[in-house]
Amino acid sequence: MREQRRGRKIAMAQDEVDAFLAEERTCRVATTSPSGPHLTPLWFVWDGQALWLNSVVRSQRWTDLERDPRVAVVIDTGHGFGELRGVEIRGRAESVGEAPRTSTPDPDLANTELLYARKYTGRDEMHYDGRHAWLRVVPEKISSWDFRKM
């Protein structure tokens, strides 16, 4: 993974990145479509190694990533300038498991689905709607900022 070069003074430490990604609920996923950039909000989980996106299989995002797996994802928060914090992850998205996902047990997804269910429902059970599947983004580069450090 490439190291962050700019803004090191306001960069988050790895434990801060992990805590931030565990807390925040919505990311914005940038893909490349034939007509140009495509940006969509999505729920996610971070397992300490990869960002996991639960995406509708019949979506422009999914189609874009099948054609070109490169992706940029931003998770950020803050209202005033001095409160801004965020993480940008760049990498390649890959589909993991069946698409669309059903309730068939999959050991490769067990931890991800438990993290996701707990984060978004507060329960230990994943809901399957037959429309979504998993995309894993292993970071090639992570950039972070926390303007509260200024």
N, C-alpha and C. Protein backbone atom coordinates (compact mmCIF):
# COMPACT_ATOMS: atom_id res chain seq x y z
N MET A 1 0.85 -1.18 0.00
CA MET A 1 0.00 0.00 0.00
C MET A 1 0.90 1.24 0.00
N ARG A 2 0.48 2.23 -0.79
CA ARG A 2 1.22 3.48 -0.85
C ARG A 2 0.98 4.30 0.41
N GLU A 3 2.01 4.99 0.87
CA GLU A 3 1.93 5.82 2.07
C GLU A 3 1.40 7.21 1.74
N GLN A 4 0.66 7.77 2.67
CA GLN A 4 0.15 9.14 2.51
C GLN A 4 1.32 10.10 2.59
N ARG A 5 1.40 11.01 1.61
CA ARG A 5 2.52 11.95 1.57
C ARG A 5 2.14 13.34 2.04
N ARG A 6 1.00 13.82 1.61
CA ARG A 6 0.59 15.18 1.98
C ARG A 6 -0.25 15.14 3.24
N GLY A 7 -0.22 16.24 3.95
CA GLY A 7 -1.11 16.39 5.10
C GLY A 7 -0.81 15.46 6.25
N ARG A 8 0.46 15.07 6.42
CA ARG A 8 0.79 14.13 7.49
C ARG A 8 0.45 14.67 8.88
N LYS A 9 0.50 15.98 9.03
CA LYS A 9 0.20 16.59 10.33
C LYS A 9 -1.24 16.36 10.74
N ILE A 10 -2.14 16.26 9.75
CA ILE A 10 -3.54 16.07 10.09
C ILE A 10 -4.02 14.65 9.79
N ALA A 11 -3.10 13.79 9.37
CA ALA A 11 -3.47 12.40 9.08
C ALA A 11 -3.84 11.67 10.36
N MET A 12 -4.76 10.74 10.24
CA MET A 12 -5.15 9.90 11.36
C MET A 12 -4.16 8.74 11.48
N ALA A 13 -3.90 8.32 12.71
CA ALA A 13 -3.13 7.10 12.96
C ALA A 13 -4.02 5.91 12.60
N GLN A 14 -3.42 4.73 12.42
CA GLN A 14 -4.20 3.56 12.00
C GLN A 14 -5.33 3.24 12.96
N ASP A 15 -5.11 3.36 14.27
CA ASP A 15 -6.19 3.08 15.22
C ASP A 15 -7.31 4.10 15.10
N GLU A 16 -6.97 5.34 14.74
CA GLU A 16 -7.99 6.37 14.53
C GLU A 16 -8.79 6.08 13.26
N VAL A 17 -8.11 5.64 12.20
CA VAL A 17 -8.80 5.25 10.96
C VAL A 17 -9.77 4.11 11.25
N ASP A 18 -9.29 3.09 11.96
CA ASP A 18 -10.14 1.93 12.28
C ASP A 18 -11.38 2.34 13.07
N ALA A 19 -11.19 3.20 14.08
CA ALA A 19 -12.32 3.64 14.90
C ALA A 19 -13.29 4.50 14.08
N PHE A 20 -12.75 5.37 13.24
CA PHE A 20 -13.58 6.23 12.40
C PHE A 20 -14.43 5.39 11.45
N LEU A 21 -13.82 4.41 10.78
CA LEU A 21 -14.55 3.58 9.83
C LEU A 21 -15.57 2.67 10.53
N ALA A 22 -15.32 2.31 11.76
CA ALA A 22 -16.31 1.52 12.51
C ALA A 22 -17.52 2.36 12.89
N GLU A 23 -17.30 3.65 13.11
CA GLU A 23 -18.36 4.56 13.58
C GLU A 23 -19.23 5.11 12.45
N GLU A 24 -18.61 5.52 11.36
CA GLU A 24 -19.36 6.16 10.28
C GLU A 24 -20.19 5.14 9.52
N ARG A 25 -21.30 5.59 8.95
CA ARG A 25 -22.26 4.66 8.34
C ARG A 25 -22.35 4.73 6.82
N THR A 26 -22.03 5.86 6.22
CA THR A 26 -22.23 6.01 4.79
C THR A 26 -20.94 6.43 4.11
N CYS A 27 -20.63 5.77 3.01
CA CYS A 27 -19.49 6.16 2.18
C CYS A 27 -20.01 6.62 0.83
N ARG A 28 -19.13 7.23 0.05
CA ARG A 28 -19.45 7.59 -1.32
C ARG A 28 -18.46 6.86 -2.21
N VAL A 29 -19.01 6.11 -3.16
CA VAL A 29 -18.22 5.22 -4.02
C VAL A 29 -18.13 5.83 -5.41
N ALA A 30 -16.91 6.05 -5.90
CA ALA A 30 -16.69 6.61 -7.23
C ALA A 30 -16.20 5.52 -8.17
N THR A 31 -16.93 5.34 -9.27
CA THR A 31 -16.56 4.40 -10.32
C THR A 31 -16.48 5.17 -11.63
N THR A 32 -16.04 4.47 -12.66
CA THR A 32 -15.97 5.09 -13.98
C THR A 32 -16.94 4.39 -14.92
N SER A 33 -17.91 5.15 -15.42
CA SER A 33 -18.87 4.62 -16.39
C SER A 33 -18.44 5.08 -17.78
N PRO A 34 -19.03 4.53 -18.82
CA PRO A 34 -18.68 4.98 -20.18
C PRO A 34 -18.88 6.48 -20.40
N SER A 35 -19.82 7.06 -19.67
CA SER A 35 -20.08 8.49 -19.85
C SER A 35 -19.32 9.36 -18.84
N GLY A 36 -18.46 8.76 -18.02
CA GLY A 36 -17.67 9.53 -17.07
C GLY A 36 -17.82 9.03 -15.65
N PRO A 37 -17.40 9.84 -14.67
CA PRO A 37 -17.47 9.42 -13.27
C PRO A 37 -18.90 9.15 -12.82
N HIS A 38 -19.03 8.20 -11.91
CA HIS A 38 -20.32 7.85 -11.32
C HIS A 38 -20.09 7.77 -9.82
N LEU A 39 -20.88 8.50 -9.03
CA LEU A 39 -20.68 8.60 -7.59
C LEU A 39 -21.98 8.25 -6.87
N THR A 40 -21.90 7.31 -5.93
CA THR A 40 -23.11 6.89 -5.22
C THR A 40 -22.82 6.67 -3.73
N PRO A 41 -23.80 6.95 -2.87
CA PRO A 41 -23.66 6.64 -1.45
C PRO A 41 -23.97 5.17 -1.20
N LEU A 42 -23.34 4.61 -0.19
CA LEU A 42 -23.52 3.18 0.10
C LEU A 42 -23.13 2.90 1.54
N TRP A 43 -23.72 1.89 2.13
CA TRP A 43 -23.30 1.41 3.45
C TRP A 43 -22.11 0.48 3.29
N PHE A 44 -21.31 0.36 4.34
CA PHE A 44 -20.06 -0.39 4.27
C PHE A 44 -19.66 -0.92 5.65
N VAL A 45 -18.71 -1.83 5.64
CA VAL A 45 -18.01 -2.21 6.87
C VAL A 45 -16.52 -2.30 6.56
N TRP A 46 -15.74 -2.10 7.58
CA TRP A 46 -14.28 -2.18 7.53
C TRP A 46 -13.86 -3.27 8.49
N ASP A 47 -13.06 -4.22 8.01
CA ASP A 47 -12.63 -5.33 8.87
C ASP A 47 -11.17 -5.19 9.32
N GLY A 48 -10.59 -4.04 9.09
CA GLY A 48 -9.20 -3.81 9.46
C GLY A 48 -8.23 -4.07 8.32
N GLN A 49 -8.69 -4.77 7.30
CA GLN A 49 -7.86 -5.09 6.13
C GLN A 49 -8.48 -4.59 4.83
N ALA A 50 -9.81 -4.63 4.77
CA ALA A 50 -10.52 -4.30 3.54
C ALA A 50 -11.83 -3.60 3.86
N LEU A 51 -12.29 -2.82 2.88
CA LEU A 51 -13.60 -2.18 2.95
C LEU A 51 -14.57 -3.08 2.21
N TRP A 52 -15.70 -3.39 2.82
CA TRP A 52 -16.71 -4.27 2.23
C TRP A 52 -17.94 -3.44 1.91
N LEU A 53 -18.38 -3.51 0.64
CA LEU A 53 -19.54 -2.77 0.17
C LEU A 53 -20.64 -3.76 -0.15
N ASN A 54 -21.85 -3.48 0.32
CA ASN A 54 -23.00 -4.32 0.03
C ASN A 54 -23.80 -3.61 -1.06
N SER A 55 -23.65 -4.08 -2.30
CA SER A 55 -24.16 -3.36 -3.47
C SER A 55 -25.26 -4.13 -4.18
N VAL A 56 -26.22 -3.39 -4.71
CA VAL A 56 -27.21 -3.98 -5.60
C VAL A 56 -26.47 -4.48 -6.84
N VAL A 57 -26.76 -5.71 -7.23
CA VAL A 57 -26.07 -6.32 -8.37
C VAL A 57 -26.49 -5.68 -9.68
N ARG A 58 -27.76 -5.33 -9.80
CA ARG A 58 -28.24 -4.68 -11.03
C ARG A 58 -28.22 -3.16 -10.84
N SER A 59 -27.00 -2.63 -10.78
CA SER A 59 -26.83 -1.19 -10.60
C SER A 59 -25.74 -0.70 -11.54
N GLN A 60 -25.73 0.58 -11.78
CA GLN A 60 -24.68 1.17 -12.61
C GLN A 60 -23.32 0.95 -11.96
N ARG A 61 -23.25 1.06 -10.63
CA ARG A 61 -22.00 0.85 -9.90
C ARG A 61 -21.44 -0.54 -10.17
N TRP A 62 -22.29 -1.57 -10.06
CA TRP A 62 -21.86 -2.95 -10.27
C TRP A 62 -21.37 -3.14 -11.71
N THR A 63 -22.12 -2.61 -12.66
CA THR A 63 -21.75 -2.70 -14.07
C THR A 63 -20.40 -2.01 -14.32
N ASP A 64 -20.23 -0.82 -13.74
CA ASP A 64 -18.97 -0.10 -13.89
C ASP A 64 -17.80 -0.92 -13.36
N LEU A 65 -17.98 -1.52 -12.19
CA LEU A 65 -16.88 -2.26 -11.55
C LEU A 65 -16.58 -3.58 -12.25
N GLU A 66 -17.57 -4.15 -12.92
CA GLU A 66 -17.28 -5.35 -13.72
C GLU A 66 -16.38 -4.99 -14.90
N ARG A 67 -16.57 -3.81 -15.45
CA ARG A 67 -15.79 -3.35 -16.60
C ARG A 67 -14.42 -2.82 -16.16
N ASP A 68 -14.38 -2.07 -15.06
CA ASP A 68 -13.15 -1.45 -14.57
C ASP A 68 -13.21 -1.49 -13.04
N PRO A 69 -12.44 -2.36 -12.39
CA PRO A 69 -12.56 -2.54 -10.95
C PRO A 69 -11.96 -1.42 -10.10
N ARG A 70 -11.32 -0.45 -10.73
CA ARG A 70 -10.74 0.64 -9.94
C ARG A 70 -11.84 1.47 -9.28
N VAL A 71 -11.60 1.81 -8.01
CA VAL A 71 -12.62 2.51 -7.25
C VAL A 71 -11.94 3.46 -6.26
N ALA A 72 -12.63 4.56 -5.97
CA ALA A 72 -12.24 5.46 -4.89
C ALA A 72 -13.45 5.59 -3.98
N VAL A 73 -13.21 5.51 -2.68
CA VAL A 73 -14.29 5.58 -1.69
C VAL A 73 -13.92 6.63 -0.65
N VAL A 74 -14.87 7.53 -0.35
CA VAL A 74 -14.65 8.55 0.66
C VAL A 74 -15.69 8.40 1.75
N ILE A 75 -15.20 8.46 2.99
CA ILE A 75 -16.05 8.48 4.18
C ILE A 75 -15.64 9.74 4.93
N ASP A 76 -16.56 10.65 5.19
CA ASP A 76 -16.18 11.88 5.87
C ASP A 76 -17.30 12.40 6.74
N THR A 77 -16.93 13.32 7.62
CA THR A 77 -17.90 13.93 8.53
C THR A 77 -17.37 15.29 8.96
N GLY A 78 -18.24 16.08 9.56
CA GLY A 78 -17.86 17.38 10.09
C GLY A 78 -18.72 18.48 9.49
N HIS A 79 -18.95 19.52 10.26
CA HIS A 79 -19.74 20.65 9.78
C HIS A 79 -18.83 21.86 9.55
N GLY A 80 -18.20 22.32 10.60
CA GLY A 80 -17.28 23.44 10.48
C GLY A 80 -15.93 22.97 9.96
N PHE A 81 -15.17 23.90 9.36
CA PHE A 81 -13.87 23.55 8.78
C PHE A 81 -12.97 22.82 9.78
N GLY A 82 -12.91 23.30 10.98
CA GLY A 82 -12.04 22.71 12.01
C GLY A 82 -12.53 21.38 12.54
N GLU A 83 -13.69 20.91 12.08
CA GLU A 83 -14.23 19.62 12.52
C GLU A 83 -14.11 18.54 11.45
N LEU A 84 -13.67 18.90 10.25
CA LEU A 84 -13.67 17.95 9.14
C LEU A 84 -12.71 16.79 9.40
N ARG A 85 -13.22 15.57 9.18
CA ARG A 85 -12.44 14.34 9.29
C ARG A 85 -12.87 13.42 8.16
N GLY A 86 -11.95 12.61 7.70
CA GLY A 86 -12.33 11.68 6.66
C GLY A 86 -11.24 10.71 6.27
N VAL A 87 -11.64 9.74 5.46
CA VAL A 87 -10.74 8.71 4.94
C VAL A 87 -11.09 8.50 3.47
N GLU A 88 -10.07 8.46 2.62
CA GLU A 88 -10.25 8.07 1.23
C GLU A 88 -9.50 6.77 1.03
N ILE A 89 -10.18 5.80 0.42
CA ILE A 89 -9.58 4.50 0.11
C ILE A 89 -9.62 4.33 -1.40
N ARG A 90 -8.47 4.02 -1.97
CA ARG A 90 -8.37 3.71 -3.40
C ARG A 90 -7.92 2.27 -3.54
N GLY A 91 -8.54 1.58 -4.49
CA GLY A 91 -8.16 0.19 -4.72
C GLY A 91 -8.97 -0.39 -5.85
N ARG A 92 -9.09 -1.70 -5.83
CA ARG A 92 -9.86 -2.43 -6.84
C ARG A 92 -10.94 -3.23 -6.12
N ALA A 93 -12.14 -3.15 -6.65
CA ALA A 93 -13.27 -3.88 -6.05
C ALA A 93 -13.36 -5.26 -6.70
N GLU A 94 -13.58 -6.26 -5.86
CA GLU A 94 -13.80 -7.60 -6.37
C GLU A 94 -15.03 -8.19 -5.70
N SER A 95 -15.81 -8.90 -6.48
CA SER A 95 -17.00 -9.56 -5.97
C SER A 95 -16.57 -10.78 -5.15
N VAL A 96 -17.19 -10.96 -3.99
CA VAL A 96 -16.91 -12.11 -3.13
C VAL A 96 -18.23 -12.81 -2.83
N GLY A 97 -18.27 -14.12 -3.07
CA GLY A 97 -19.48 -14.90 -2.79
C GLY A 97 -20.44 -14.84 -3.96
N GLU A 98 -21.61 -15.40 -3.72
CA GLU A 98 -22.62 -15.45 -4.77
C GLU A 98 -23.21 -14.07 -5.04
N ALA A 99 -23.62 -13.86 -6.28
CA ALA A 99 -24.20 -12.58 -6.65
C ALA A 99 -25.44 -12.83 -7.51
N PRO A 100 -26.60 -12.49 -6.97
CA PRO A 100 -26.86 -11.88 -5.67
C PRO A 100 -26.73 -12.89 -4.53
N ARG A 101 -26.55 -12.34 -3.35
CA ARG A 101 -26.32 -13.13 -2.14
C ARG A 101 -27.64 -13.66 -1.60
N THR A 102 -27.62 -14.95 -1.20
CA THR A 102 -28.75 -15.57 -0.49
C THR A 102 -28.26 -15.96 0.90
N SER A 103 -29.08 -16.62 1.63
CA SER A 103 -28.71 -16.98 3.00
C SER A 103 -27.88 -18.25 3.09
N THR A 104 -27.41 -18.78 1.95
CA THR A 104 -26.55 -19.95 1.97
C THR A 104 -25.28 -19.60 2.73
N PRO A 105 -24.92 -20.38 3.76
CA PRO A 105 -23.72 -20.05 4.55
C PRO A 105 -22.46 -19.97 3.66
N ASP A 106 -21.65 -18.96 3.93
CA ASP A 106 -20.41 -18.75 3.20
C ASP A 106 -19.35 -18.33 4.21
N PRO A 107 -18.40 -19.22 4.53
CA PRO A 107 -17.39 -18.89 5.54
C PRO A 107 -16.54 -17.66 5.18
N ASP A 108 -16.39 -17.37 3.88
CA ASP A 108 -15.62 -16.20 3.46
C ASP A 108 -16.34 -14.89 3.80
N LEU A 109 -17.64 -14.97 4.06
CA LEU A 109 -18.44 -13.77 4.33
C LEU A 109 -18.97 -13.70 5.76
N ALA A 110 -18.75 -14.74 6.54
CA ALA A 110 -19.35 -14.82 7.88
C ALA A 110 -19.00 -13.61 8.75
N ASN A 111 -17.73 -13.26 8.85
CA ASN A 111 -17.33 -12.13 9.69
C ASN A 111 -17.86 -10.81 9.13
N THR A 112 -17.76 -10.63 7.82
CA THR A 112 -18.24 -9.41 7.17
C THR A 112 -19.73 -9.21 7.44
N GLU A 113 -20.51 -10.26 7.28
CA GLU A 113 -21.95 -10.14 7.46
C GLU A 113 -22.32 -9.92 8.92
N LEU A 114 -21.55 -10.48 9.83
CA LEU A 114 -21.79 -10.23 11.25
C LEU A 114 -21.50 -8.76 11.57
N LEU A 115 -20.37 -8.24 11.10
CA LEU A 115 -20.05 -6.82 11.30
C LEU A 115 -21.13 -5.92 10.73
N TYR A 116 -21.58 -6.24 9.53
CA TYR A 116 -22.59 -5.43 8.84
C TYR A 116 -23.93 -5.46 9.60
N ALA A 117 -24.37 -6.65 9.98
CA ALA A 117 -25.64 -6.79 10.69
C ALA A 117 -25.60 -6.01 12.01
N ARG A 118 -24.52 -6.15 12.75
CA ARG A 118 -24.41 -5.44 14.02
C ARG A 118 -24.39 -3.93 13.83
N LYS A 119 -23.67 -3.47 12.80
CA LYS A 119 -23.54 -2.02 12.57
C LYS A 119 -24.87 -1.39 12.16
N TYR A 120 -25.62 -2.07 11.30
CA TYR A 120 -26.82 -1.43 10.72
C TYR A 120 -28.14 -1.89 11.31
N THR A 121 -28.16 -3.02 12.00
CA THR A 121 -29.41 -3.47 12.61
C THR A 121 -29.30 -3.70 14.11
N GLY A 122 -28.07 -3.74 14.62
CA GLY A 122 -27.88 -4.01 16.03
C GLY A 122 -28.14 -5.47 16.39
N ARG A 123 -28.23 -6.32 15.37
CA ARG A 123 -28.48 -7.75 15.60
C ARG A 123 -27.35 -8.57 15.01
N ASP A 124 -27.35 -9.85 15.29
CA ASP A 124 -26.32 -10.75 14.77
C ASP A 124 -26.79 -11.51 13.53
N GLU A 125 -27.90 -11.09 12.95
CA GLU A 125 -28.45 -11.77 11.76
C GLU A 125 -28.42 -10.85 10.56
N MET A 126 -27.92 -11.38 9.46
CA MET A 126 -27.89 -10.65 8.20
C MET A 126 -29.21 -10.84 7.48
N HIS A 127 -29.74 -9.78 6.90
CA HIS A 127 -30.96 -9.86 6.09
C HIS A 127 -30.55 -9.98 4.62
N TYR A 128 -31.10 -10.95 3.92
CA TYR A 128 -30.80 -11.16 2.50
C TYR A 128 -32.05 -10.85 1.68
N ASP A 129 -31.89 -10.00 0.66
CA ASP A 129 -33.05 -9.64 -0.15
C ASP A 129 -32.96 -10.17 -1.58
N GLY A 130 -31.89 -10.91 -1.89
CA GLY A 130 -31.76 -11.47 -3.22
C GLY A 130 -31.39 -10.44 -4.29
N ARG A 131 -31.02 -9.24 -3.87
CA ARG A 131 -30.65 -8.18 -4.82
C ARG A 131 -29.21 -7.70 -4.64
N HIS A 132 -28.67 -7.91 -3.44
CA HIS A 132 -27.36 -7.38 -3.09
C HIS A 132 -26.28 -8.47 -3.12
N ALA A 133 -25.03 -8.03 -3.27
CA ALA A 133 -23.88 -8.91 -3.17
C ALA A 133 -22.71 -8.11 -2.58
N TRP A 134 -21.64 -8.81 -2.26
CA TRP A 134 -20.51 -8.19 -1.59
C TRP A 134 -19.39 -7.83 -2.55
N LEU A 135 -18.85 -6.64 -2.35
CA LEU A 135 -17.65 -6.18 -3.04
C LEU A 135 -16.59 -5.90 -1.97
N ARG A 136 -15.40 -6.43 -2.18
CA ARG A 136 -14.29 -6.18 -1.25
C ARG A 136 -13.30 -5.25 -1.94
N VAL A 137 -12.91 -4.20 -1.22
CA VAL A 137 -11.90 -3.27 -1.71
C VAL A 137 -10.70 -3.37 -0.77
N VAL A 138 -9.62 -3.96 -1.27
CA VAL A 138 -8.37 -4.00 -0.51
C VAL A 138 -7.63 -2.72 -0.86
N PRO A 139 -7.33 -1.89 0.14
CA PRO A 139 -6.74 -0.58 -0.17
C PRO A 139 -5.36 -0.69 -0.82
N GLU A 140 -5.20 0.08 -1.88
CA GLU A 140 -3.88 0.30 -2.46
C GLU A 140 -3.30 1.58 -1.88
N LYS A 141 -4.18 2.49 -1.48
CA LYS A 141 -3.78 3.73 -0.83
C LYS A 141 -4.90 4.19 0.10
N ILE A 142 -4.51 4.61 1.29
CA ILE A 142 -5.45 5.21 2.23
C ILE A 142 -4.92 6.60 2.58
N SER A 143 -5.78 7.60 2.43
CA SER A 143 -5.46 8.96 2.86
C SER A 143 -6.49 9.35 3.91
N SER A 144 -6.04 10.06 4.92
CA SER A 144 -6.97 10.48 5.98
C SER A 144 -6.67 11.90 6.40
N TRP A 145 -7.65 12.52 7.03
CA TRP A 145 -7.48 13.87 7.53
C TRP A 145 -8.37 14.06 8.74
N ASP A 146 -7.87 14.87 9.67
CA ASP A 146 -8.61 15.24 10.86
C ASP A 146 -8.20 16.67 11.19
N PHE A 147 -9.03 17.62 10.74
CA PHE A 147 -8.68 19.03 10.89
C PHE A 147 -8.72 19.48 12.34
N ARG A 148 -9.24 18.63 13.24
CA ARG A 148 -9.22 18.98 14.65
C ARG A 148 -7.78 18.98 15.18
N LYS A 149 -6.84 18.39 14.45
CA LYS A 149 -5.44 18.32 14.87
C LYS A 149 -4.67 19.61 14.54
N MET A 150 -5.31 20.52 13.80
CA MET A 150 -4.61 21.76 13.40
C MET A 150 -4.50 22.72 14.55
